[in-house]
C-alpha atoms as a PDB file:
ATOM      1  CA  MET A   1       0.003  -0.244  -0.010  1.00  0.00           C
ATOM      2  CA  MET A   2       1.508   3.543  -1.111  1.00  0.00           C
ATOM      3  CA  LEU A   3       1.529   5.729   2.112  1.00  0.00           C
ATOM      4  CA  PHE A   4       2.182   8.748  -0.376  1.00  0.00           C
ATOM      5  CA  GLU A   5       1.328   9.717  -3.686  1.00  0.00           C
ATOM      6  CA  ASP A   6       4.746  10.233  -5.068  1.00  0.00           C
ATOM      7  CA  THR A   7       3.933  10.857  -8.510  1.00  0.00           C
ATOM      8  CA  TYR A   8       2.140  14.203 -10.229  1.00  0.00           C
ATOM      9  CA  HIS A   9       1.247  15.306 -13.611  1.00  0.00           C
ATOM     10  CA  THR A  10       2.385  18.471 -15.510  1.00  0.00           C
ATOM     11  CA  ILE A  11       2.850  19.815 -18.860  1.00  0.00           C
ATOM     12  CA  THR A  12       6.074  19.743 -20.869  1.00  0.00           C
ATOM     13  CA  ASN A  13       6.038  22.961 -23.123  1.00  0.00           C
ATOM     14  CA  PRO A  14       3.401  25.663 -23.549  1.00  0.00           C
ATOM     15  CA  SER A  15       0.444  25.070 -25.228  1.00  0.00           C
ATOM     16  CA  LYS A  16      -2.531  27.058 -26.528  1.00  0.00           C
ATOM     17  CA  GLY A  17      -6.391  26.778 -26.932  1.00  0.00           C
ATOM     18  CA  LEU A  18      -9.333  28.760 -28.345  1.00  0.00           C
ATOM     19  CA  TYR A  19     -13.331  29.305 -27.917  1.00  0.00           C
ATOM     20  CA  LYS A  20     -15.482  32.060 -29.846  1.00  0.00           C
ATOM     21  CA  GLU A  21     -18.819  32.807 -28.949  1.00  0.00           C
ATOM     22  CA  LYS A  22     -20.898  35.856 -30.024  1.00  0.00           C
ATOM     23  CA  GLY A  23     -17.999  38.241 -31.746  1.00  0.00           C
ATOM     24  CA  SER A  24     -15.607  37.408 -28.471  1.00  0.00           C
ATOM     25  CA  LYS A  25     -12.605  35.428 -28.772  1.00  0.00           C
ATOM     26  CA  PHE A  26     -10.817  33.607 -25.869  1.00  0.00           C
ATOM     27  CA  ILE A  27      -7.112  32.350 -26.161  1.00  0.00           C
ATOM     28  CA  ALA A  28      -5.950  30.208 -23.716  1.00  0.00           C
ATOM     29  CA  VAL A  29      -2.670  29.874 -22.835  1.00  0.00           C
ATOM     30  CA  ALA A  30      -1.268  26.866 -20.667  1.00  0.00           C
ATOM     31  CA  VAL A  31       2.818  27.477 -19.165  1.00  0.00           C
ATOM     32  CA  PRO A  32       4.527  25.015 -17.399  1.00  0.00           C
ATOM     33  CA  VAL A  33       5.839  27.380 -14.183  1.00  0.00           C
ATOM     34  CA  MET A  34       7.676  25.952 -11.070  1.00  0.00           C
ATOM     35  CA  THR A  35       7.538  29.291  -8.611  1.00  0.00           C
ATOM     36  CA  GLU A  36       5.213  32.025  -8.277  1.00  0.00           C
ATOM     37  CA  GLU A  37       8.055  34.341  -9.404  1.00  0.00           C
ATOM     38  CA  GLU A  38       7.615  32.473 -12.965  1.00  0.00           C
ATOM     39  CA  VAL A  39       3.828  32.977 -12.370  1.00  0.00           C
ATOM     40  CA  LYS A  40       4.395  36.799 -12.069  1.00  0.00           C
ATOM     41  CA  GLU A  41       7.152  36.856 -14.757  1.00  0.00           C
ATOM     42  CA  LYS A  42       4.888  34.640 -17.494  1.00  0.00           C
ATOM     43  CA  LEU A  43       1.809  36.725 -16.873  1.00  0.00           C
ATOM     44  CA  GLU A  44       3.429  39.902 -17.340  1.00  0.00           C
ATOM     45  CA  ASP A  45       4.612  38.864 -20.597  1.00  0.00           C
ATOM     46  CA  LEU A  46       1.011  37.821 -21.928  1.00  0.00           C
ATOM     47  CA  ARG A  47      -0.239  40.990 -20.618  1.00  0.00           C
ATOM     48  CA  LYS A  48       2.330  42.842 -22.755  1.00  0.00           C
ATOM     49  CA  GLU A  49       2.256  40.368 -25.790  1.00  0.00           C
ATOM     50  CA  TYR A  50      -2.163  40.974 -25.579  1.00  0.00           C
ATOM     51  CA  HIS A  51      -1.900  44.350 -24.166  1.00  0.00           C
ATOM     52  CA  ASP A  52      -5.266  45.592 -26.419  1.00  0.00           C
ATOM     53  CA  ALA A  53      -7.139  42.514 -24.497  1.00  0.00           C
ATOM     54  CA  ARG A  54      -9.678  43.476 -22.495  1.00  0.00           C
ATOM     55  CA  HIS A  55      -9.089  40.785 -19.568  1.00  0.00           C
ATOM     56  CA  HIS A  56      -6.324  38.615 -18.709  1.00  0.00           C
ATOM     57  CA  CYS A  57      -7.754  35.797 -16.374  1.00  0.00           C
ATOM     58  CA  TYR A  58      -5.791  33.053 -14.628  1.00  0.00           C
ATOM     59  CA  ALA A  59      -5.557  30.156 -12.813  1.00  0.00           C
ATOM     60  CA  TYR A  60      -1.818  28.341 -11.441  1.00  0.00           C
ATOM     61  CA  VAL A  61      -1.132  25.286  -9.357  1.00  0.00           C
ATOM     62  CA  LEU A  62       2.185  24.896  -7.872  1.00  0.00           C
ATOM     63  CA  GLY A  63       4.134  21.618  -5.772  1.00  0.00           C
ATOM     64  CA  PHE A  64       4.136  18.261  -6.060  1.00  0.00           C
ATOM     65  CA  ASP A  65       1.194  18.367  -3.241  1.00  0.00           C
ATOM     66  CA  LYS A  66      -0.365  20.853  -5.144  1.00  0.00           C
ATOM     67  CA  SER A  67      -0.390  23.258  -2.008  1.00  0.00           C
ATOM     68  CA  ALA A  68       0.140  26.389  -3.645  1.00  0.00           C
ATOM     69  CA  HIS A  69      -2.851  27.457  -6.058  1.00  0.00           C
ATOM     70  CA  ARG A  70      -4.782  30.841  -7.430  1.00  0.00           C
ATOM     71  CA  TYR A  71      -7.129  32.082  -9.815  1.00  0.00           C
ATOM     72  CA  ASN A  72      -8.014  35.601 -10.855  1.00  0.00           C
ATOM     73  CA  ASP A  73     -11.173  36.889 -12.495  1.00  0.00           C
ATOM     74  CA  ASP A  74      -9.409  40.023 -13.455  1.00  0.00           C
ATOM     75  CA  GLY A  75     -12.670  42.314 -13.810  1.00  0.00           C
ATOM     76  CA  GLU A  76     -15.234  39.751 -15.013  1.00  0.00           C
ATOM     77  CA  PRO A  77     -18.365  38.688 -12.655  1.00  0.00           C
ATOM     78  CA  SER A  78     -16.937  36.933 -10.008  1.00  0.00           C
ATOM     79  CA  GLY A  79     -16.358  32.954 -10.271  1.00  0.00           C
ATOM     80  CA  THR A  80     -17.055  33.390 -14.051  1.00  0.00           C
ATOM     81  CA  ALA A  81     -13.385  32.940 -14.909  1.00  0.00           C
ATOM     82  CA  GLY A  82     -10.447  32.168 -12.935  1.00  0.00           C
ATOM     83  CA  ARG A  83     -12.631  29.458 -10.884  1.00  0.00           C
ATOM     84  CA  PRO A  84     -13.505  27.610 -14.151  1.00  0.00           C
ATOM     85  CA  ILE A  85     -10.339  27.601 -15.327  1.00  0.00           C
ATOM     86  CA  PHE A  86      -8.721  26.215 -12.137  1.00  0.00           C
ATOM     87  CA  GLY A  87     -11.850  23.419 -12.381  1.00  0.00           C
ATOM     88  CA  GLN A  88     -10.118  22.171 -15.576  1.00  0.00           C
ATOM     89  CA  LEU A  89      -6.330  21.609 -13.950  1.00  0.00           C
ATOM     90  CA  GLN A  90      -7.968  20.269 -10.902  1.00  0.00           C
ATOM     91  CA  SER A  91      -9.944  17.700 -13.623  1.00  0.00           C
ATOM     92  CA  LYS A  92      -6.869  16.585 -15.346  1.00  0.00           C
ATOM     93  CA  ASP A  93      -4.620  16.719 -12.144  1.00  0.00           C
ATOM     94  CA  LEU A  94      -2.313  19.027 -13.019  1.00  0.00           C
ATOM     95  CA  THR A  95       0.518  21.028 -10.866  1.00  0.00           C
ATOM     96  CA  ASN A  96       3.108  23.233 -11.914  1.00  0.00           C
ATOM     97  CA  ILE A  97       1.207  24.841 -14.717  1.00  0.00           C
ATOM     98  CA  LEU A  98      -0.477  28.636 -15.436  1.00  0.00           C
ATOM     99  CA  VAL A  99      -3.184  29.021 -17.715  1.00  0.00           C
ATOM    100  CA  VAL A 100      -4.207  32.586 -18.687  1.00  0.00           C
ATOM    101  CA  VAL A 101      -7.080  33.187 -20.727  1.00  0.00           C
ATOM    102  CA  ILE A 102      -7.038  36.103 -22.678  1.00  0.00           C
ATOM    103  CA  ARG A 103     -10.403  37.730 -23.703  1.00  0.00           C
ATOM    104  CA  TYR A 104     -11.086  40.115 -26.720  1.00  0.00           C
ATOM    105  CA  PHE A 105     -14.839  41.563 -26.490  1.00  0.00           C
ATOM    106  CA  GLY A 106     -16.818  41.298 -29.021  1.00  0.00           C
ATOM    107  CA  GLY A 107     -19.450  43.768 -28.208  1.00  0.00           C
ATOM    108  CA  THR A 108     -21.894  41.161 -26.725  1.00  0.00           C
ATOM    109  CA  LYS A 109     -22.343  40.241 -22.912  1.00  0.00           C
ATOM    110  CA  LEU A 110     -22.325  36.457 -22.742  1.00  0.00           C
ATOM    111  CA  GLY A 111     -24.000  36.305 -19.206  1.00  0.00           C
ATOM    112  CA  ILE A 112     -22.680  34.131 -16.135  1.00  0.00           C
ATOM    113  CA  SER A 113     -23.238  30.862 -17.961  1.00  0.00           C
ATOM    114  CA  GLY A 114     -21.748  31.623 -21.088  1.00  0.00           C
ATOM    115  CA  LEU A 115     -18.917  33.473 -19.473  1.00  0.00           C
ATOM    116  CA  ILE A 116     -18.217  30.060 -17.415  1.00  0.00           C
ATOM    117  CA  THR A 117     -18.556  27.831 -20.565  1.00  0.00           C
ATOM    118  CA  ALA A 118     -15.992  29.938 -22.307  1.00  0.00           C
ATOM    119  CA  TYR A 119     -13.468  29.834 -19.998  1.00  0.00           C
ATOM    120  CA  LYS A 120     -13.770  26.309 -19.048  1.00  0.00           C
ATOM    121  CA  SER A 121     -13.296  25.571 -23.003  1.00  0.00           C
ATOM    122  CA  ALA A 122     -10.454  27.875 -23.856  1.00  0.00           C
ATOM    123  CA  THR A 123      -8.777  26.011 -20.962  1.00  0.00           C
ATOM    124  CA  ARG A 124      -9.885  22.693 -22.072  1.00  0.00           C
ATOM    125  CA  ASP A 125      -9.048  23.237 -25.838  1.00  0.00           C
ATOM    126  CA  ALA A 126      -5.208  24.592 -24.432  1.00  0.00           C
ATOM    127  CA  LEU A 127      -4.904  21.447 -22.135  1.00  0.00           C
ATOM    128  CA  GLU A 128      -6.227  19.047 -24.889  1.00  0.00           C
ATOM    129  CA  THR A 129      -2.943  19.921 -26.719  1.00  0.00           C
ATOM    130  CA  ALA A 130      -0.874  20.069 -24.287  1.00  0.00           C
ATOM    131  CA  VAL A 131       1.565  17.342 -23.795  1.00  0.00           C
ATOM    132  CA  ILE A 132       1.062  15.583 -20.316  1.00  0.00           C
ATOM    133  CA  ILE A 133       3.804  13.708 -18.282  1.00  0.00           C
ATOM    134  CA  SER A 134       3.845  12.014 -15.155  1.00  0.00           C
ATOM    135  CA  LEU A 135       6.717  12.656 -12.724  1.00  0.00           C
ATOM    136  CA  THR A 136       7.921  11.291  -9.567  1.00  0.00           C
ATOM    137  CA  VAL A 137       8.717  12.958  -6.040  1.00  0.00           C
ATOM    138  CA  ASN A 138      12.161  12.386  -4.934  1.00  0.00           C
ATOM    139  CA  ASP A 139      13.772  13.104  -1.888  1.00  0.00           C
ATOM    140  CA  VAL A 140      17.435  14.206  -1.602  1.00  0.00           C
ATOM    141  CA  TYR A 141      20.173  13.150   0.774  1.00  0.00           C
ATOM    142  CA  GLN A 142      23.778  13.487   1.317  1.00  0.00           C
ATOM    143  CA  LEU A 143      26.433  10.693   2.594  1.00  0.00           C
ATOM    144  CA  SER A 144      29.339  11.381   4.599  1.00  0.00           C
ATOM    145  CA  PHE A 145      31.667   8.581   4.905  1.00  0.00           C
ATOM    146  CA  GLU A 146      35.424   7.281   4.697  1.00  0.00           C
ATOM    147  CA  TYR A 147      36.675   5.562   1.587  1.00  0.00           C
ATOM    148  CA  PRO A 148      36.796   1.750   3.150  1.00  0.00           C
ATOM    149  CA  LEU A 149      32.856   1.715   3.660  1.00  0.00           C
ATOM    150  CA  MET A 150      32.802   2.859  -0.454  1.00  0.00           C
ATOM    151  CA  ASN A 151      32.002  -0.830  -1.417  1.00  0.00           C
ATOM    152  CA  GLU A 152      29.175  -0.667   1.120  1.00  0.00           C
ATOM    153  CA  VAL A 153      27.731   2.646   0.028  1.00  0.00           C
ATOM    154  CA  MET A 154      27.809   1.691  -3.448  1.00  0.00           C
ATOM    155  CA  ARG A 155      26.246  -1.974  -2.727  1.00  0.00           C
ATOM    156  CA  VAL A 156      22.774  -0.368  -1.234  1.00  0.00           C
ATOM    157  CA  ILE A 157      22.909   2.486  -4.122  1.00  0.00           C
ATOM    158  CA  LYS A 158      23.016  -0.076  -6.906  1.00  0.00           C
ATOM    159  CA  ASP A 159      20.339  -2.686  -4.794  1.00  0.00           C
ATOM    160  CA  GLU A 160      17.979   0.036  -4.605  1.00  0.00           C
ATOM    161  CA  ALA A 161      18.593   1.773  -8.159  1.00  0.00           C
ATOM    162  CA  LEU A 162      19.547   4.979  -6.864  1.00  0.00           C
ATOM    163  CA  LYS A 163      20.293   7.951  -8.577  1.00  0.00           C
ATOM    164  CA  VAL A 164      23.449  10.068  -7.437  1.00  0.00           C
ATOM    165  CA  ALA A 165      23.181  13.451  -8.166  1.00  0.00           C
ATOM    166  CA  ASP A 166      26.678  14.769  -7.176  1.00  0.00           C
ATOM    167  CA  GLN A 167      30.154  13.460  -5.527  1.00  0.00           C
ATOM    168  CA  ASP A 168      33.128  14.622  -4.126  1.00  0.00           C
ATOM    169  CA  PHE A 169      36.173  11.634  -3.069  1.00  0.00           C
ATOM    170  CA  GLN A 170      39.151  14.091  -2.445  1.00  0.00           C
ATOM    171  CA  LEU A 171      39.663  14.048   1.358  1.00  0.00           C
ATOM    172  CA  SER A 172      36.422  12.242   3.011  1.00  0.00           C
ATOM    173  CA  CYS A 173      33.675  10.773   0.542  1.00  0.00           C
ATOM    174  CA  LYS A 174      30.518  13.048   0.175  1.00  0.00           C
ATOM    175  CA  LEU A 175      27.961  11.836  -2.322  1.00  0.00           C
ATOM    176  CA  ASN A 176      24.071  13.311  -3.206  1.00  0.00           C
ATOM    177  CA  PHE A 177      21.790  10.971  -4.064  1.00  0.00           C
ATOM    178  CA  LYS A 178      17.711  10.727  -5.145  1.00  0.00           C
ATOM    179  CA  VAL A 179      15.331   8.346  -3.942  1.00  0.00           C
ATOM    180  CA  ARG A 180      11.477   7.832  -4.765  1.00  0.00           C
ATOM    181  CA  LYS A 181       9.608   9.530  -1.787  1.00  0.00           C
ATOM    182  CA  ASN A 182       7.610   5.976  -1.245  1.00  0.00           C
ATOM    183  CA  SER A 183      11.383   4.387  -0.763  1.00  0.00           C
ATOM    184  CA  SER A 184      13.091   6.963   1.063  1.00  0.00           C
ATOM    185  CA  ASN A 185      12.332   5.554   4.394  1.00  0.00           C
ATOM    186  CA  LYS A 186      13.527   2.097   3.575  1.00  0.00           C
ATOM    187  CA  VAL A 187      17.052   3.450   1.784  1.00  0.00           C
ATOM    188  CA  TYR A 188      17.425   5.869   5.006  1.00  0.00           C
ATOM    189  CA  GLU A 189      17.251   2.895   7.361  1.00  0.00           C
ATOM    190  CA  ARG A 190      19.922   0.659   5.214  1.00  0.00           C
ATOM    191  CA  PHE A 191      22.128   3.522   5.378  1.00  0.00           C
ATOM    192  CA  ASN A 192      21.581   4.064   8.777  1.00  0.00           C
ATOM    193  CA  LYS A 193      22.562   0.918  10.098  1.00  0.00           C
ATOM    194  CA  ILE A 194      26.196   1.164   8.069  1.00  0.00           C
ATOM    195  CA  HIS A 195      28.560   2.310  11.199  1.00  0.00           C
ATOM    196  CA  GLY A 196      30.592   5.108   9.789  1.00  0.00           C
ATOM    197  CA  VAL A 197      27.969   6.663   7.587  1.00  0.00           C
ATOM    198  CA  LYS A 198      26.297   9.888   8.027  1.00  0.00           C
ATOM    199  CA  ILE A 199      23.138  10.481   6.419  1.00  0.00           C
ATOM    200  CA  ASP A 200      21.375  14.084   5.916  1.00  0.00           C
ATOM    201  CA  TYR A 201      18.188  14.875   4.309  1.00  0.00           C
ATOM    202  CA  LEU A 202      18.799  17.901   1.983  1.00  0.00           C
ATOM    203  CA  LYS A 203      15.406  18.663   0.053  1.00  0.00           C
ATOM    204  CA  THR A 204      12.342  17.217  -1.838  1.00  0.00           C
ATOM    205  CA  VAL A 205      12.198  17.597  -5.528  1.00  0.00           C
END
């Protein structure tokens, strides 16, 4: 039984979608992002690129655990733009993604349900053309040990098929490795049992 869901879904490259209704044009742009700083930069870029549009509504989700998310109606009636965009991200179970839907007003009001349909449909179109990938959540650890323990350490690395990220064997030995979140505790205990090996958790990626 899995104690922690250690995979997540995101997109590899930007993609676009389009929805037209009663003269209004809704252009959805989906982009991969990792941080809130990146979100701000991409939003700024798209606002400049589509500077003549009336609205730039958006939603984003960040983190493998989807812990950071936000949506914005950018002047559209509350709940008609950002939330439908966000709903599409949830339905596809995506993270590390920003979707901005740019609206060019066509002169005819669409009403609440019409707007919800438009923002949802434009977003869905962008996500259907996107390449969605599944990635694993990994913990990164650092091992510190003396050279005579090298064989024992490397045996565990080989047994557990660990990814070595960085190593320095000049004075004493230091080695960073990545392990899938679900195997993290087991691997930690294996190294912890080797007398003379120090293991430190660095980060989760």
